[in-house]
Amino acid sequence: MTFSRRGLHGHVVDSLGRRIIEGEFPPGAVLDLELLEQQMSVSRTVMREAVKVLTTKGLLDARPRIGTFVRDRRNWYLLDADVMAWRGGGDPDPRLLSDLDEVRRIVEPWGARLAAERRSPDDVTALREALARMEASERGGDIEEHIAADAAFHRAVLAASQNELLERLEVVLEPALRARDALAFQHTHGDAFLHAHAEVAEAIAAGDPDRAQASMASLLETAAADTAEIMRRRAASRGGSPGRRRPGS
């Protein structure tokens, strides 16, 4: 369930969701709704509706004599698009980036294989258009467009698989993919990145499943290694560990 970020209701949902995900309100914390209403200058009705949205995402619950509290992380709907966006916003969650790389390496090579077997002419066109956007944004130095084009490319690969569940999975993971790309493109991208994507596109267009699967696997292995190195450098610069954050962080 996604929500509109417009108006007071959307602002309250977005603010509380981010604060829960970032650990300001850790699992087990009881929310003082009256205090939050005062701090955010909203009515009881607005706060109540915001709590309902966050409850449907598994972040909150309420019990008699306890009140509204943050649920344990294992109850959060981590594949909810908004929860993914909150985890990917600001300073990306290292655990999210690590989990994303693992899931993509499991799913996308097989998605590329199916795409090579099942692609339509329109699918090939979509892949080549996304690749052209990536190349143009690279020349123009437009990071935001590059991120959008990369997301479009990977959506097009899974759409070409003709498997509706695979296609929807990429939509769910897209906020995290964008967070990963935003981080990676600050440090490394260029011809090798584009060539790896072109290899995938051409293998799918040629109807070569083995080559498509291998090319996507290689692309994602390189991306995962780049992400791990970036996170290691960031942790070292802050005097911390690149390991996963503790649950609730």
C-alpha atoms as a PDB file:
ATOM      1  CA  MET A   1       0.000   0.000   0.000  1.00  0.00           C
ATOM      2  CA  THR A   2       1.538   3.298  -1.107  1.00  0.00           C
ATOM      3  CA  PHE A   3       0.316   6.694   0.046  1.00  0.00           C
ATOM      4  CA  SER A   4       0.191  10.223  -1.272  1.00  0.00           C
ATOM      5  CA  ARG A   5       2.988  12.377   0.126  1.00  0.00           C
ATOM      6  CA  ARG A   6       0.890  15.489  -0.425  1.00  0.00           C
ATOM      7  CA  GLY A   7      -0.639  17.409   2.451  1.00  0.00           C
ATOM      8  CA  LEU A   8      -0.297  17.012   6.196  1.00  0.00           C
ATOM      9  CA  HIS A   9      -1.297  13.350   6.156  1.00  0.00           C
ATOM     10  CA  GLY A  10       1.424  12.456   3.659  1.00  0.00           C
ATOM     11  CA  HIS A  11       3.994  14.504   5.556  1.00  0.00           C
ATOM     12  CA  VAL A  12       3.231  12.750   8.847  1.00  0.00           C
ATOM     13  CA  VAL A  13       3.356   9.273   7.306  1.00  0.00           C
ATOM     14  CA  ASP A  14       6.628  10.028   5.540  1.00  0.00           C
ATOM     15  CA  SER A  15       8.234  11.618   8.598  1.00  0.00           C
ATOM     16  CA  LEU A  16       7.241   8.889  11.062  1.00  0.00           C
ATOM     17  CA  GLY A  17       8.096   6.115   8.613  1.00  0.00           C
ATOM     18  CA  ARG A  18      11.604   7.471   8.096  1.00  0.00           C
ATOM     19  CA  ARG A  19      12.146   8.008  11.825  1.00  0.00           C
ATOM     20  CA  ILE A  20      11.144   4.419  12.573  1.00  0.00           C
ATOM     21  CA  ILE A  21      13.327   2.990   9.805  1.00  0.00           C
ATOM     22  CA  GLU A  22      16.304   5.124  10.849  1.00  0.00           C
ATOM     23  CA  GLY A  23      16.016   3.934  14.455  1.00  0.00           C
ATOM     24  CA  GLU A  24      14.845   7.108  16.180  1.00  0.00           C
ATOM     25  CA  PHE A  25      11.862   5.037  17.318  1.00  0.00           C
ATOM     26  CA  PRO A  26      13.337   1.527  17.750  1.00  0.00           C
ATOM     27  CA  PRO A  27      11.342  -1.706  17.941  1.00  0.00           C
ATOM     28  CA  GLY A  28       9.331  -1.795  21.167  1.00  0.00           C
ATOM     29  CA  ALA A  29       9.225   1.983  21.549  1.00  0.00           C
ATOM     30  CA  VAL A  30       5.815   3.336  22.548  1.00  0.00           C
ATOM     31  CA  LEU A  31       4.830   6.463  20.641  1.00  0.00           C
ATOM     32  CA  ASP A  32       3.435   9.435  22.523  1.00  0.00           C
ATOM     33  CA  LEU A  33       0.867  10.364  19.887  1.00  0.00           C
ATOM     34  CA  GLU A  34      -0.334  13.472  21.688  1.00  0.00           C
ATOM     35  CA  LEU A  35       3.218  14.806  21.899  1.00  0.00           C
ATOM     36  CA  LEU A  36       3.814  13.981  18.228  1.00  0.00           C
ATOM     37  CA  GLU A  37       0.610  15.794  17.278  1.00  0.00           C
ATOM     38  CA  GLN A  38       1.881  18.894  19.086  1.00  0.00           C
ATOM     39  CA  GLN A  39       5.373  18.655  17.624  1.00  0.00           C
ATOM     40  CA  MET A  40       4.079  18.201  14.075  1.00  0.00           C
ATOM     41  CA  SER A  41       1.158  20.633  14.488  1.00  0.00           C
ATOM     42  CA  VAL A  42      -1.444  18.174  13.251  1.00  0.00           C
ATOM     43  CA  SER A  43      -4.833  17.058  14.475  1.00  0.00           C
ATOM     44  CA  ARG A  44      -5.652  13.781  16.187  1.00  0.00           C
ATOM     45  CA  THR A  45      -7.487  12.688  13.038  1.00  0.00           C
ATOM     46  CA  VAL A  46      -4.409  13.234  10.835  1.00  0.00           C
ATOM     47  CA  MET A  47      -2.188  11.357  13.283  1.00  0.00           C
ATOM     48  CA  ARG A  48      -4.687   8.507  13.574  1.00  0.00           C
ATOM     49  CA  GLU A  49      -4.830   8.100   9.793  1.00  0.00           C
ATOM     50  CA  ALA A  50      -1.030   8.177   9.541  1.00  0.00           C
ATOM     51  CA  VAL A  51      -0.777   5.472  12.195  1.00  0.00           C
ATOM     52  CA  LYS A  52      -3.217   3.337  10.202  1.00  0.00           C
ATOM     53  CA  VAL A  53      -0.998   3.559   7.109  1.00  0.00           C
ATOM     54  CA  LEU A  54       2.123   2.630   9.060  1.00  0.00           C
ATOM     55  CA  THR A  55       0.246  -0.231  10.708  1.00  0.00           C
ATOM     56  CA  THR A  56      -0.610  -1.684   7.290  1.00  0.00           C
ATOM     57  CA  LYS A  57       3.132  -1.653   6.512  1.00  0.00           C
ATOM     58  CA  GLY A  58       3.896  -3.667   9.636  1.00  0.00           C
ATOM     59  CA  LEU A  59       5.775  -0.854  11.378  1.00  0.00           C
ATOM     60  CA  LEU A  60       3.266  -0.084  14.125  1.00  0.00           C
ATOM     61  CA  ASP A  61       0.708  -1.869  16.250  1.00  0.00           C
ATOM     62  CA  ALA A  62      -1.406  -1.015  19.290  1.00  0.00           C
ATOM     63  CA  ARG A  63      -2.360  -2.899  22.435  1.00  0.00           C
ATOM     64  CA  PRO A  64      -4.654  -2.018  25.357  1.00  0.00           C
ATOM     65  CA  ARG A  65      -2.764  -0.496  28.299  1.00  0.00           C
ATOM     66  CA  ILE A  66       0.355  -0.235  26.121  1.00  0.00           C
ATOM     67  CA  GLY A  67      -0.600   2.103  23.324  1.00  0.00           C
ATOM     68  CA  THR A  68       0.866   2.461  19.848  1.00  0.00           C
ATOM     69  CA  PHE A  69       4.313   0.896  19.570  1.00  0.00           C
ATOM     70  CA  VAL A  70       6.933   0.041  16.962  1.00  0.00           C
ATOM     71  CA  ARG A  71       6.813  -3.611  15.937  1.00  0.00           C
ATOM     72  CA  ASP A  72       9.828  -5.885  15.775  1.00  0.00           C
ATOM     73  CA  ARG A  73      11.746  -5.665  12.503  1.00  0.00           C
ATOM     74  CA  ARG A  74      10.735  -9.201  11.494  1.00  0.00           C
ATOM     75  CA  ASN A  75       7.152  -7.905  11.173  1.00  0.00           C
ATOM     76  CA  TRP A  76       8.016  -5.011   8.865  1.00  0.00           C
ATOM     77  CA  TYR A  77       6.915  -5.389   5.259  1.00  0.00           C
ATOM     78  CA  LEU A  78      10.406  -4.894   3.887  1.00  0.00           C
ATOM     79  CA  LEU A  79       9.264  -5.335   0.272  1.00  0.00           C
ATOM     80  CA  ASP A  80       6.731  -2.520   0.605  1.00  0.00           C
ATOM     81  CA  ALA A  81       7.759   0.209  -1.847  1.00  0.00           C
ATOM     82  CA  ASP A  82       7.558   2.959   0.783  1.00  0.00           C
ATOM     83  CA  VAL A  83       9.561   0.985   3.351  1.00  0.00           C
ATOM     84  CA  MET A  84      12.197   0.353   0.663  1.00  0.00           C
ATOM     85  CA  ALA A  85      12.254   4.062  -0.167  1.00  0.00           C
ATOM     86  CA  TRP A  86      12.689   5.034   3.491  1.00  0.00           C
ATOM     87  CA  ARG A  87      15.544   2.573   3.871  1.00  0.00           C
ATOM     88  CA  GLY A  88      17.179   3.883   0.708  1.00  0.00           C
ATOM     89  CA  GLY A  89      16.733   7.573   1.453  1.00  0.00           C
ATOM     90  CA  GLY A  90      19.386   9.810   2.960  1.00  0.00           C
ATOM     91  CA  ASP A  91      22.432   7.779   3.981  1.00  0.00           C
ATOM     92  CA  PRO A  92      21.702   4.335   2.454  1.00  0.00           C
ATOM     93  CA  ASP A  93      21.395   1.399   4.830  1.00  0.00           C
ATOM     94  CA  PRO A  94      24.420  -0.909   4.251  1.00  0.00           C
ATOM     95  CA  ARG A  95      22.275  -3.932   5.021  1.00  0.00           C
ATOM     96  CA  LEU A  96      19.772  -2.887   2.367  1.00  0.00           C
ATOM     97  CA  LEU A  97      22.504  -2.497  -0.250  1.00  0.00           C
ATOM     98  CA  SER A  98      24.033  -5.864   0.628  1.00  0.00           C
ATOM     99  CA  ASP A  99      20.654  -7.615   0.582  1.00  0.00           C
ATOM    100  CA  LEU A 100      19.760  -5.928  -2.700  1.00  0.00           C
ATOM    101  CA  ASP A 101      22.951  -7.141  -4.378  1.00  0.00           C
ATOM    102  CA  GLU A 102      22.289 -10.702  -3.201  1.00  0.00           C
ATOM    103  CA  VAL A 103      18.674 -10.720  -4.384  1.00  0.00           C
ATOM    104  CA  ARG A 104      19.559  -9.241  -7.754  1.00  0.00           C
ATOM    105  CA  ARG A 105      22.315 -11.823  -8.327  1.00  0.00           C
ATOM    106  CA  ILE A 106      19.796 -14.577  -7.603  1.00  0.00           C
ATOM    107  CA  VAL A 107      16.976 -13.172  -9.733  1.00  0.00           C
ATOM    108  CA  GLU A 108      18.219 -11.055 -12.621  1.00  0.00           C
ATOM    109  CA  PRO A 109      20.550 -13.486 -14.446  1.00  0.00           C
ATOM    110  CA  TRP A 110      17.643 -15.926 -14.760  1.00  0.00           C
ATOM    111  CA  GLY A 111      15.377 -13.053 -15.731  1.00  0.00           C
ATOM    112  CA  ALA A 112      17.819 -12.163 -18.503  1.00  0.00           C
ATOM    113  CA  ARG A 113      17.862 -15.784 -19.634  1.00  0.00           C
ATOM    114  CA  LEU A 114      14.079 -15.858 -19.908  1.00  0.00           C
ATOM    115  CA  ALA A 115      14.149 -12.496 -21.663  1.00  0.00           C
ATOM    116  CA  ALA A 116      16.456 -13.899 -24.343  1.00  0.00           C
ATOM    117  CA  GLU A 117      14.030 -16.774 -24.888  1.00  0.00           C
ATOM    118  CA  ARG A 118      10.815 -14.752 -24.850  1.00  0.00           C
ATOM    119  CA  ARG A 119      11.584 -11.138 -25.842  1.00  0.00           C
ATOM    120  CA  SER A 120       9.396  -9.331 -28.332  1.00  0.00           C
ATOM    121  CA  PRO A 121      10.543  -6.620 -30.773  1.00  0.00           C
ATOM    122  CA  ASP A 122       9.032  -4.027 -28.428  1.00  0.00           C
ATOM    123  CA  ASP A 123      11.066  -5.440 -25.534  1.00  0.00           C
ATOM    124  CA  VAL A 124      14.281  -5.119 -27.534  1.00  0.00           C
ATOM    125  CA  THR A 125      13.362  -1.556 -28.436  1.00  0.00           C
ATOM    126  CA  ALA A 126      12.778  -0.707 -24.765  1.00  0.00           C
ATOM    127  CA  LEU A 127      16.178  -2.144 -23.828  1.00  0.00           C
ATOM    128  CA  ARG A 128      17.986  -0.204 -26.524  1.00  0.00           C
ATOM    129  CA  GLU A 129      16.164   3.012 -25.678  1.00  0.00           C
ATOM    130  CA  ALA A 130      17.157   2.675 -21.996  1.00  0.00           C
ATOM    131  CA  LEU A 131      20.749   1.952 -23.040  1.00  0.00           C
ATOM    132  CA  ALA A 132      20.768   5.022 -25.297  1.00  0.00           C
ATOM    133  CA  ARG A 133      19.505   7.128 -22.382  1.00  0.00           C
ATOM    134  CA  MET A 134      22.314   5.787 -20.214  1.00  0.00           C
ATOM    135  CA  GLU A 135      24.904   6.651 -22.869  1.00  0.00           C
ATOM    136  CA  ALA A 136      23.505  10.160 -23.357  1.00  0.00           C
ATOM    137  CA  SER A 137      23.387  10.863 -19.627  1.00  0.00           C
ATOM    138  CA  GLU A 138      26.971   9.617 -19.272  1.00  0.00           C
ATOM    139  CA  ARG A 139      28.129  12.084 -21.926  1.00  0.00           C
ATOM    140  CA  GLY A 140      26.129  14.880 -20.329  1.00  0.00           C
ATOM    141  CA  GLY A 141      27.153  14.084 -16.764  1.00  0.00           C
ATOM    142  CA  ASP A 142      23.512  13.908 -15.671  1.00  0.00           C
ATOM    143  CA  ILE A 143      23.572  11.551 -12.671  1.00  0.00           C
ATOM    144  CA  GLU A 144      19.818  11.706 -12.005  1.00  0.00           C
ATOM    145  CA  GLU A 145      19.021  10.777 -15.612  1.00  0.00           C
ATOM    146  CA  HIS A 146      21.644   8.044 -15.513  1.00  0.00           C
ATOM    147  CA  ILE A 147      20.018   6.546 -12.421  1.00  0.00           C
ATOM    148  CA  ALA A 148      16.567   6.698 -14.036  1.00  0.00           C
ATOM    149  CA  ALA A 149      17.876   5.127 -17.246  1.00  0.00           C
ATOM    150  CA  ASP A 150      19.608   2.303 -15.373  1.00  0.00           C
ATOM    151  CA  ALA A 151      16.396   1.532 -13.481  1.00  0.00           C
ATOM    152  CA  ALA A 152      14.487   1.576 -16.785  1.00  0.00           C
ATOM    153  CA  PHE A 153      16.994  -0.851 -18.308  1.00  0.00           C
ATOM    154  CA  HIS A 154      16.631  -3.417 -15.543  1.00  0.00           C
ATOM    155  CA  ARG A 155      12.835  -3.060 -15.592  1.00  0.00           C
ATOM    156  CA  ALA A 156      12.926  -3.699 -19.342  1.00  0.00           C
ATOM    157  CA  VAL A 157      14.995  -6.866 -18.890  1.00  0.00           C
ATOM    158  CA  LEU A 158      12.524  -8.357 -16.438  1.00  0.00           C
ATOM    159  CA  ALA A 159       9.542  -7.173 -18.485  1.00  0.00           C
ATOM    160  CA  ALA A 160      11.026  -9.028 -21.465  1.00  0.00           C
ATOM    161  CA  SER A 161      10.965 -12.247 -19.405  1.00  0.00           C
ATOM    162  CA  GLN A 162       7.154 -12.183 -19.811  1.00  0.00           C
ATOM    163  CA  ASN A 163       6.893 -13.176 -16.151  1.00  0.00           C
ATOM    164  CA  GLU A 164       4.610 -10.751 -14.331  1.00  0.00           C
ATOM    165  CA  LEU A 165       6.003 -11.584 -10.890  1.00  0.00           C
ATOM    166  CA  LEU A 166       9.579 -10.920 -11.972  1.00  0.00           C
ATOM    167  CA  GLU A 167       8.548  -7.616 -13.496  1.00  0.00           C
ATOM    168  CA  ARG A 168       6.754  -6.541 -10.335  1.00  0.00           C
ATOM    169  CA  LEU A 169       9.745  -7.534  -8.207  1.00  0.00           C
ATOM    170  CA  GLU A 170      11.915  -4.970  -9.950  1.00  0.00           C
ATOM    171  CA  VAL A 171       9.299  -2.295  -9.337  1.00  0.00           C
ATOM    172  CA  VAL A 172       9.357  -3.116  -5.632  1.00  0.00           C
ATOM    173  CA  LEU A 173      13.172  -3.078  -5.511  1.00  0.00           C
ATOM    174  CA  GLU A 174      13.559   0.066  -7.597  1.00  0.00           C
ATOM    175  CA  PRO A 175      13.813   2.523  -4.652  1.00  0.00           C
ATOM    176  CA  ALA A 176      16.724   0.520  -3.270  1.00  0.00           C
ATOM    177  CA  LEU A 177      18.278   0.210  -6.735  1.00  0.00           C
ATOM    178  CA  ARG A 178      18.117   3.977  -7.125  1.00  0.00           C
ATOM    179  CA  ALA A 179      19.783   4.454  -3.728  1.00  0.00           C
ATOM    180  CA  ARG A 180      22.543   2.049  -4.719  1.00  0.00           C
ATOM    181  CA  ASP A 181      23.053   3.792  -8.067  1.00  0.00           C
ATOM    182  CA  ALA A 182      23.134   7.248  -6.487  1.00  0.00           C
ATOM    183  CA  LEU A 183      25.914   6.058  -4.200  1.00  0.00           C
ATOM    184  CA  ALA A 184      27.832   4.200  -6.907  1.00  0.00           C
ATOM    185  CA  PHE A 185      27.696   6.945  -9.533  1.00  0.00           C
ATOM    186  CA  GLN A 186      29.329   9.363  -7.099  1.00  0.00           C
ATOM    187  CA  HIS A 187      32.403   7.140  -7.162  1.00  0.00           C
ATOM    188  CA  THR A 188      32.599   5.067 -10.338  1.00  0.00           C
ATOM    189  CA  HIS A 189      30.851   4.681 -13.681  1.00  0.00           C
ATOM    190  CA  GLY A 190      31.755   5.045 -17.319  1.00  0.00           C
ATOM    191  CA  ASP A 191      32.519   3.000 -20.421  1.00  0.00           C
ATOM    192  CA  ALA A 192      32.905  -0.350 -18.651  1.00  0.00           C
ATOM    193  CA  PHE A 193      29.517   0.122 -16.978  1.00  0.00           C
ATOM    194  CA  LEU A 194      27.870   0.928 -20.307  1.00  0.00           C
ATOM    195  CA  HIS A 195      29.615  -1.920 -22.125  1.00  0.00           C
ATOM    196  CA  ALA A 196      28.376  -4.441 -19.548  1.00  0.00           C
ATOM    197  CA  HIS A 197      24.790  -3.296 -20.050  1.00  0.00           C
ATOM    198  CA  ALA A 198      25.183  -3.324 -23.834  1.00  0.00           C
ATOM    199  CA  GLU A 199      26.385  -6.945 -23.634  1.00  0.00           C
ATOM    200  CA  VAL A 200      23.197  -7.915 -21.801  1.00  0.00           C
ATOM    201  CA  ALA A 201      20.989  -6.033 -24.265  1.00  0.00           C
ATOM    202  CA  GLU A 202      22.635  -7.558 -27.332  1.00  0.00           C
ATOM    203  CA  ALA A 203      22.516 -11.090 -25.920  1.00  0.00           C
ATOM    204  CA  ILE A 204      18.793 -10.711 -25.268  1.00  0.00           C
ATOM    205  CA  ALA A 205      18.202  -9.192 -28.704  1.00  0.00           C
ATOM    206  CA  ALA A 206      20.137 -12.064 -30.304  1.00  0.00           C
ATOM    207  CA  GLY A 207      18.048 -14.632 -28.439  1.00  0.00           C
ATOM    208  CA  ASP A 208      21.103 -16.155 -26.738  1.00  0.00           C
ATOM    209  CA  PRO A 209      20.000 -17.314 -23.253  1.00  0.00           C
ATOM    210  CA  ASP A 210      23.408 -18.563 -22.083  1.00  0.00           C
ATOM    211  CA  ARG A 211      25.147 -15.332 -23.048  1.00  0.00           C
ATOM    212  CA  ALA A 212      22.363 -13.192 -21.574  1.00  0.00           C
ATOM    213  CA  GLN A 213      22.492 -15.030 -18.244  1.00  0.00           C
ATOM    214  CA  ALA A 214      26.285 -14.914 -18.057  1.00  0.00           C
ATOM    215  CA  SER A 215      26.444 -11.239 -19.047  1.00  0.00           C
ATOM    216  CA  MET A 216      23.920 -10.219 -16.427  1.00  0.00           C
ATOM    217  CA  ALA A 217      25.670 -12.307 -13.772  1.00  0.00           C
ATOM    218  CA  SER A 218      28.978 -10.640 -14.617  1.00  0.00           C
ATOM    219  CA  LEU A 219      27.418  -7.163 -14.545  1.00  0.00           C
ATOM    220  CA  LEU A 220      25.902  -7.774 -11.108  1.00  0.00           C
ATOM    221  CA  GLU A 221      29.055  -9.341  -9.655  1.00  0.00           C
ATOM    222  CA  THR A 222      30.973  -6.208 -10.653  1.00  0.00           C
ATOM    223  CA  ALA A 223      28.239  -3.956  -9.238  1.00  0.00           C
ATOM    224  CA  ALA A 224      28.248  -5.852  -5.931  1.00  0.00           C
ATOM    225  CA  ALA A 225      32.035  -5.618  -5.674  1.00  0.00           C
ATOM    226  CA  ASP A 226      31.897  -1.880  -6.399  1.00  0.00           C
ATOM    227  CA  THR A 227      29.231  -1.359  -3.737  1.00  0.00           C
ATOM    228  CA  ALA A 228      31.184  -3.328  -1.139  1.00  0.00           C
ATOM    229  CA  GLU A 229      34.328  -1.309  -1.837  1.00  0.00           C
ATOM    230  CA  ILE A 230      32.458   2.006  -1.640  1.00  0.00           C
ATOM    231  CA  MET A 231      30.882   1.038   1.671  1.00  0.00           C
ATOM    232  CA  ARG A 232      34.281  -0.103   2.990  1.00  0.00           C
ATOM    233  CA  ARG A 233      35.795   3.279   2.121  1.00  0.00           C
ATOM    234  CA  ARG A 234      32.908   5.172   3.675  1.00  0.00           C
ATOM    235  CA  ALA A 235      33.126   3.132   6.874  1.00  0.00           C
ATOM    236  CA  ALA A 236      36.907   3.595   7.034  1.00  0.00           C
ATOM    237  CA  SER A 237      36.570   7.348   6.591  1.00  0.00           C
ATOM    238  CA  ARG A 238      34.146   7.421   9.513  1.00  0.00           C
ATOM    239  CA  GLY A 239      36.195   5.079  11.668  1.00  0.00           C
ATOM    240  CA  GLY A 240      33.458   2.430  11.625  1.00  0.00           C
ATOM    241  CA  SER A 241      32.828  -1.029  10.254  1.00  0.00           C
ATOM    242  CA  PRO A 242      31.381  -1.747   6.807  1.00  0.00           C
ATOM    243  CA  GLY A 243      29.342  -4.607   8.258  1.00  0.00           C
ATOM    244  CA  ARG A 244      25.589  -4.706   8.360  1.00  0.00           C
ATOM    245  CA  ARG A 245      23.733  -2.454  10.688  1.00  0.00           C
ATOM    246  CA  ARG A 246      21.995  -3.940  13.670  1.00  0.00           C
ATOM    247  CA  PRO A 247      18.300  -4.719  13.200  1.00  0.00           C
ATOM    248  CA  GLY A 248      16.212  -1.616  13.527  1.00  0.00           C
ATOM    249  CA  SER A 249      18.972   0.654  12.238  1.00  0.00           C
END
